[in-house]
Protein backbone atom coordinates (compact mmCIF):
# COMPACT_ATOMS: atom_id res chain seq x y z
CA UNK A 1 20.16 105.25 66.47
CA UNK A 2 19.85 101.60 65.50
CA UNK A 3 18.82 100.70 69.08
CA UNK A 4 16.29 103.54 69.17
CA UNK A 5 14.65 102.36 65.94
CA UNK A 6 14.35 98.86 67.44
CA UNK A 7 12.54 99.94 70.59
CA UNK A 8 8.80 99.50 70.47
CA UNK A 9 6.75 101.92 72.54
CA UNK A 10 4.16 100.20 74.73
CA UNK A 11 2.24 102.61 76.97
CA UNK A 12 0.55 99.74 78.89
CA UNK A 13 3.92 98.11 79.66
CA UNK A 14 5.26 101.48 80.83
CA UNK A 15 2.28 101.89 83.15
CA UNK A 16 2.81 98.38 84.59
CA UNK A 17 6.52 98.99 85.24
CA UNK A 18 5.79 102.30 86.93
CA UNK A 19 3.13 100.60 89.08
CA UNK A 20 5.52 97.85 90.14
CA UNK A 21 8.26 100.41 90.83
CA UNK A 22 5.89 102.35 93.06
CA UNK A 23 4.90 99.14 94.87
CA UNK A 24 8.54 98.19 95.48
CA UNK A 25 9.23 101.68 96.76
CA UNK A 26 6.33 101.54 99.21
CA UNK A 27 7.33 98.05 100.41
CA UNK A 28 10.94 99.15 100.91
CA UNK A 29 9.77 102.21 102.79
CA UNK A 30 7.70 100.00 105.12
CA UNK A 31 9.84 96.86 105.42
CA UNK A 32 13.30 97.99 104.24
CA UNK A 33 15.27 100.02 103.99
CA UNK A 34 17.10 97.69 101.57
CA UNK A 35 15.55 95.53 98.85
CA UNK A 36 17.07 92.34 100.35
CA UNK A 37 15.52 93.06 103.73
CA UNK A 38 12.15 93.68 102.11
CA UNK A 39 12.36 90.35 100.25
CA UNK A 40 13.30 88.51 103.54
CA UNK A 41 10.32 90.07 105.29
CA UNK A 42 8.06 88.82 102.52
CA UNK A 43 9.54 85.32 102.83
CA UNK A 44 8.84 85.20 106.56
CA UNK A 45 5.30 86.49 106.07
CA UNK A 46 4.63 83.78 103.48
CA UNK A 47 5.91 81.08 105.87
CA UNK A 48 3.64 82.35 108.66
CA UNK A 49 0.67 82.45 106.31
CA UNK A 50 1.32 78.87 105.16
CA UNK A 51 1.47 77.80 108.82
CA UNK A 52 -1.88 79.41 109.56
CA UNK A 53 -3.52 78.00 106.44
CA UNK A 54 -2.17 74.49 107.17
CA UNK A 55 -2.84 74.64 110.92
CA UNK A 56 -6.23 73.00 110.73
CA UNK A 57 -4.79 70.02 108.84
CA UNK A 58 -1.89 69.68 111.33
CA UNK A 59 -4.30 69.94 114.27
CA UNK A 60 -6.44 67.09 112.93
CA UNK A 61 -3.32 64.96 112.46
CA UNK A 62 -2.15 65.69 116.00
CA UNK A 63 -5.58 64.87 117.41
CA UNK A 64 -5.52 61.54 115.58
CA UNK A 65 -2.07 60.75 116.95
CA UNK A 66 -3.19 61.69 120.46
CA UNK A 67 -6.22 59.41 120.25
CA UNK A 68 -4.07 56.54 119.00
CA UNK A 69 -1.63 57.09 121.85
CA UNK A 70 -4.47 57.11 124.41
CA UNK A 71 -5.85 53.85 123.04
CA UNK A 72 -2.40 52.27 123.14
CA UNK A 73 -1.87 53.50 126.72
CA UNK A 74 -5.24 52.11 127.81
CA UNK A 75 -4.47 48.75 126.21
CA UNK A 76 -1.00 48.50 127.79
CA UNK A 77 -2.36 49.64 131.18
CA UNK A 78 -5.07 46.96 131.05
CA UNK A 79 -2.45 44.30 130.30
CA UNK A 80 -0.32 45.56 133.21
CA UNK A 81 -3.35 45.52 135.52
CA UNK A 82 -4.04 41.88 134.65
CA UNK A 83 -0.43 40.97 135.45
CA UNK A 84 -0.59 42.91 138.72
CA UNK A 85 -3.81 41.18 139.81
CA UNK A 86 -2.23 37.79 139.26
CA UNK A 87 1.06 38.79 140.92
CA UNK A 88 -0.74 40.38 143.90
CA UNK A 89 -2.65 37.15 144.57
CA UNK A 90 0.51 35.02 144.39
CA UNK A 91 2.48 37.42 146.59
CA UNK A 92 -0.27 37.60 149.24
CA UNK A 93 -0.52 33.82 149.37
CA UNK A 94 3.25 33.39 149.67
CA UNK A 95 3.62 36.04 152.41
CA UNK A 96 0.67 34.62 154.38
CA UNK A 97 2.44 31.27 154.40
CA UNK A 98 5.54 32.84 155.99
CA UNK A 99 3.87 35.09 158.59
CA UNK A 100 3.02 32.30 161.10
CA UNK A 101 6.72 31.38 161.22
CA UNK A 102 7.46 34.96 162.26
CA UNK A 103 5.06 35.04 165.20
CA UNK A 104 2.02 36.39 163.34
CA UNK A 105 -0.21 33.32 163.08
CA UNK A 106 -3.34 35.40 162.36
CA UNK A 107 -1.62 37.80 160.00
CA UNK A 108 -2.94 38.40 156.50
CA UNK A 109 -1.15 40.36 153.78
CA UNK A 110 -2.77 42.05 150.78
CA UNK A 111 -1.36 43.92 147.82
CA UNK A 112 -4.26 46.29 147.07
CA UNK A 113 -4.59 47.86 143.61
CA UNK A 114 -6.04 51.37 143.85
CA UNK A 115 -7.42 52.65 140.50
CA UNK A 116 -6.30 56.05 139.26
CA UNK A 117 -8.53 58.55 137.51
CA UNK A 118 -6.27 58.38 134.46
CA UNK A 119 -3.60 55.80 133.57
CA UNK A 120 -0.04 57.09 133.64
CA UNK A 121 3.49 55.96 132.94
CA UNK A 122 3.28 53.35 135.74
CA UNK A 123 -0.15 52.00 134.92
CA UNK A 124 -3.80 52.53 135.82
CA UNK A 125 -3.47 51.94 139.57
CA UNK A 126 -1.29 52.49 142.60
CA UNK A 127 -0.14 49.51 144.66
CA UNK A 128 -0.60 49.64 148.43
CA UNK A 129 0.57 46.92 150.83
CA UNK A 130 -1.99 46.21 153.55
CA UNK A 131 -1.97 43.89 156.56
CA UNK A 132 -4.43 42.61 159.15
CA UNK A 133 -2.32 41.20 161.98
CA UNK A 134 -5.10 40.24 164.38
CA UNK A 135 -8.34 38.30 164.07
CA UNK A 136 -11.33 40.54 163.38
CA UNK A 137 -9.25 43.51 162.23
CA UNK A 138 -9.68 45.01 158.78
CA UNK A 139 -6.67 45.25 156.51
CA UNK A 140 -4.96 48.63 156.81
CA UNK A 141 -1.94 50.18 155.05
CA UNK A 142 1.21 48.49 156.28
CA UNK A 143 2.81 51.74 157.50
CA UNK A 144 -0.18 52.51 159.78
CA UNK A 145 -1.21 49.04 160.91
CA UNK A 146 2.06 47.60 162.17
CA UNK A 147 4.38 48.42 165.04
CA UNK A 148 8.11 48.74 164.45
CA UNK A 149 8.79 45.06 165.19
CA UNK A 150 5.77 43.86 163.22
CA UNK A 151 6.73 46.05 160.29
CA UNK A 152 10.23 44.57 160.31
CA UNK A 153 8.83 41.03 160.35
CA UNK A 154 6.39 41.72 157.51
CA UNK A 155 9.25 43.21 155.51
CA UNK A 156 11.32 40.13 156.37
CA UNK A 157 8.51 37.95 155.01
CA UNK A 158 8.43 40.03 151.82
CA UNK A 159 12.20 39.86 151.43
CA UNK A 160 12.08 36.11 151.93
CA UNK A 161 9.69 35.80 148.98
CA UNK A 162 11.34 38.43 146.78
CA UNK A 163 14.98 37.73 147.72
CA UNK A 164 16.00 36.45 144.31
CA UNK A 165 14.39 39.39 142.47
CA UNK A 166 15.43 42.22 144.80
CA UNK A 167 18.61 44.01 143.74
CA UNK A 168 19.14 45.79 147.07
CA UNK A 169 22.51 44.43 148.29
CA UNK A 170 22.18 45.18 152.02
CA UNK A 171 19.15 44.83 154.31
CA UNK A 172 18.93 46.16 157.87
CA UNK A 173 16.31 44.86 160.33
CA UNK A 174 16.02 46.96 163.48
CA UNK A 175 14.43 45.32 166.55
CA UNK A 176 12.80 42.64 164.42
CA UNK A 177 12.50 40.60 167.64
CA UNK A 178 10.05 43.03 169.32
CA UNK A 179 7.32 41.06 171.10
CA UNK A 180 8.61 37.60 170.23
CA UNK A 181 10.82 34.97 171.82
CA UNK A 182 11.42 31.26 172.15
CA UNK A 183 10.72 29.18 169.08
CA UNK A 184 9.39 32.12 167.08
CA UNK A 185 12.72 33.85 167.67
CA UNK A 186 14.51 30.82 166.23
CA UNK A 187 12.23 30.86 163.20
CA UNK A 188 12.83 34.57 162.63
CA UNK A 189 16.57 33.97 162.85
CA UNK A 190 16.37 31.09 160.39
CA UNK A 191 14.32 33.21 157.99
CA UNK A 192 16.92 35.99 158.05
CA UNK A 193 19.65 33.44 157.49
CA UNK A 194 17.85 32.24 154.35
CA UNK A 195 17.54 35.82 153.10
CA UNK A 196 21.28 36.19 153.75
CA UNK A 197 21.91 33.71 150.94
CA UNK A 198 21.08 36.54 148.51
CA UNK A 199 21.76 39.74 150.50
CA UNK A 200 23.99 41.09 153.21
CA UNK A 201 21.76 41.22 156.30
CA UNK A 202 22.24 43.26 159.46
CA UNK A 203 19.89 42.60 162.38
CA UNK A 204 19.92 44.80 165.48
CA UNK A 205 18.65 42.39 168.10
CA UNK A 206 18.61 41.63 171.84
CA UNK A 207 17.32 38.10 171.26
CA UNK A 208 19.90 35.29 171.62
CA UNK A 209 17.97 33.02 169.24
CA UNK A 210 18.48 35.56 166.45
CA UNK A 211 22.04 36.50 167.36
CA UNK A 212 23.04 32.82 167.36
CA UNK A 213 21.86 32.47 163.74
CA UNK A 214 24.24 35.13 162.44
CA UNK A 215 27.41 34.34 160.55
CA UNK A 216 29.11 37.17 162.47
CA UNK A 217 28.25 38.64 165.86
CA UNK A 218 29.07 42.30 166.53
CA UNK A 219 28.68 43.57 170.07
CA UNK A 220 27.68 47.20 170.58
CA UNK A 221 28.41 48.45 174.09
CA UNK A 222 27.79 51.90 175.50
CA UNK A 223 30.51 53.32 177.75
CA UNK A 224 32.19 56.51 178.85
CA UNK A 225 35.65 57.86 178.13
CA UNK A 226 36.87 61.06 179.68
CA UNK A 227 33.35 62.06 180.63
CA UNK A 228 32.04 61.47 177.08
CA UNK A 229 29.54 58.71 176.27
CA UNK A 230 30.76 56.36 173.57
CA UNK A 231 29.37 53.41 171.61
CA UNK A 232 32.03 50.79 170.95
CA UNK A 233 31.76 47.79 168.62
CA UNK A 234 33.64 44.52 168.71
CA UNK A 235 33.36 41.38 166.60
CA UNK A 236 32.89 38.37 168.87
CA UNK A 237 34.21 34.93 168.18
CA UNK A 238 34.87 31.70 170.01
CA UNK A 239 34.39 31.84 173.77
CA UNK A 240 33.66 35.58 173.66
CA UNK A 241 30.60 34.88 171.56
CA UNK A 242 29.54 32.01 173.82
CA UNK A 243 29.85 34.35 176.81
CA UNK A 244 27.71 37.05 175.14
CA UNK A 245 24.98 34.66 174.00
CA UNK A 246 24.87 33.23 177.53
CA UNK A 247 24.44 36.75 178.89
CA UNK A 248 21.65 37.45 176.37
CA UNK A 249 19.91 34.28 177.54
CA UNK A 250 19.53 35.94 180.93
CA UNK A 251 21.67 33.55 182.90
CA UNK A 252 25.05 33.89 184.53
CA UNK A 253 27.51 34.06 181.61
CA UNK A 254 30.11 32.47 183.88
CA UNK A 255 27.83 29.53 184.67
CA UNK A 256 28.68 26.34 182.83
CA UNK A 257 24.97 25.61 182.39
CA UNK A 258 24.35 28.98 180.72
CA UNK A 259 27.43 28.57 178.53
CA UNK A 260 26.34 25.06 177.55
CA UNK A 261 22.95 26.43 176.50
CA UNK A 262 24.69 29.16 174.49
CA UNK A 263 26.92 26.61 172.76
CA UNK A 264 23.89 24.53 171.90
CA UNK A 265 22.21 27.53 170.27
CA UNK A 266 25.32 28.37 168.28
CA UNK A 267 25.96 24.80 167.18
CA UNK A 268 22.34 24.22 166.16
CA UNK A 269 22.50 27.31 163.93
CA UNK A 270 25.85 26.46 162.40
CA UNK A 271 26.85 30.03 163.23
CA UNK A 272 30.56 29.21 163.06
CA UNK A 273 30.36 29.05 159.25
CA UNK A 274 32.32 31.88 157.69
CA UNK A 275 29.83 32.49 154.91
CA UNK A 276 26.90 31.02 153.05
CA UNK A 277 27.39 28.64 150.14
CA UNK A 278 27.39 31.39 147.52
CA UNK A 279 29.84 33.55 149.42
CA UNK A 280 27.31 36.17 150.45
CA UNK A 281 28.11 37.39 153.94
CA UNK A 282 25.56 38.21 156.60
CA UNK A 283 25.93 39.84 159.97
CA UNK A 284 23.75 40.28 163.01
CA UNK A 285 24.44 42.98 165.50
CA UNK A 286 23.40 42.23 169.08
CA UNK A 287 23.29 45.39 171.14
CA UNK A 288 23.40 45.90 174.87
CA UNK A 289 23.62 48.88 177.15
CA UNK A 290 26.32 49.06 179.77
CA UNK A 291 26.73 51.63 182.49
């Protein structure tokens, strides 16, 4: 009775509570069935609404960040382009100085910078190596302008310049002697020997001037065993190497004159040294075909 006397009747409050009860009932019927599930649905809806209402602000911020990134990319790409222009000029000049020693007196090397439509992770241009190996010829991409032997010699010139920067441990030059001989062959051999101070070098060659410059001479001979063609290898040393170099010179390997010429080639190259001063080993492989 005491509690009843203390309760104040408020028709408006009763109407409000009934209205809220009806609203909760309808929400539970639509998003429930439980009250907790209805409340979680409301929370998710509020989060989505906040995202939509704040989307325009976030979009403007993202656009500003994108523009700043583009400006930074353009600035860094321009700095890289300037460095490439300078490096391309120095590289071309250095390679041109080496090409005459490799039998390409009229050769000219270019590192062309080809602009891209948009700068990317590697800059605003692509780099293409081009060569003009004969007088009056336009520079063309290295892969399309040079024969196999010329390509090997241009690569040898590049490796000579970049030897100290290149991290490739082993280099293989196949038929680098194509179309050359005599003194040019000696120069090519000396160039590879210099590269061998920083890399292991293999040269597949039929030219005695190149083979004589190697620290090690490996003979590859084709033969037949039991009706099956084989390719056998053997490291030559001492008189065996003298005999093979004499044969490569085109003379009679049994002739004392031919053997004396072979010894002279080997001695002039210092090919009996076991390794270069820094311990880097190099090898040249002189191949022949036998029947």
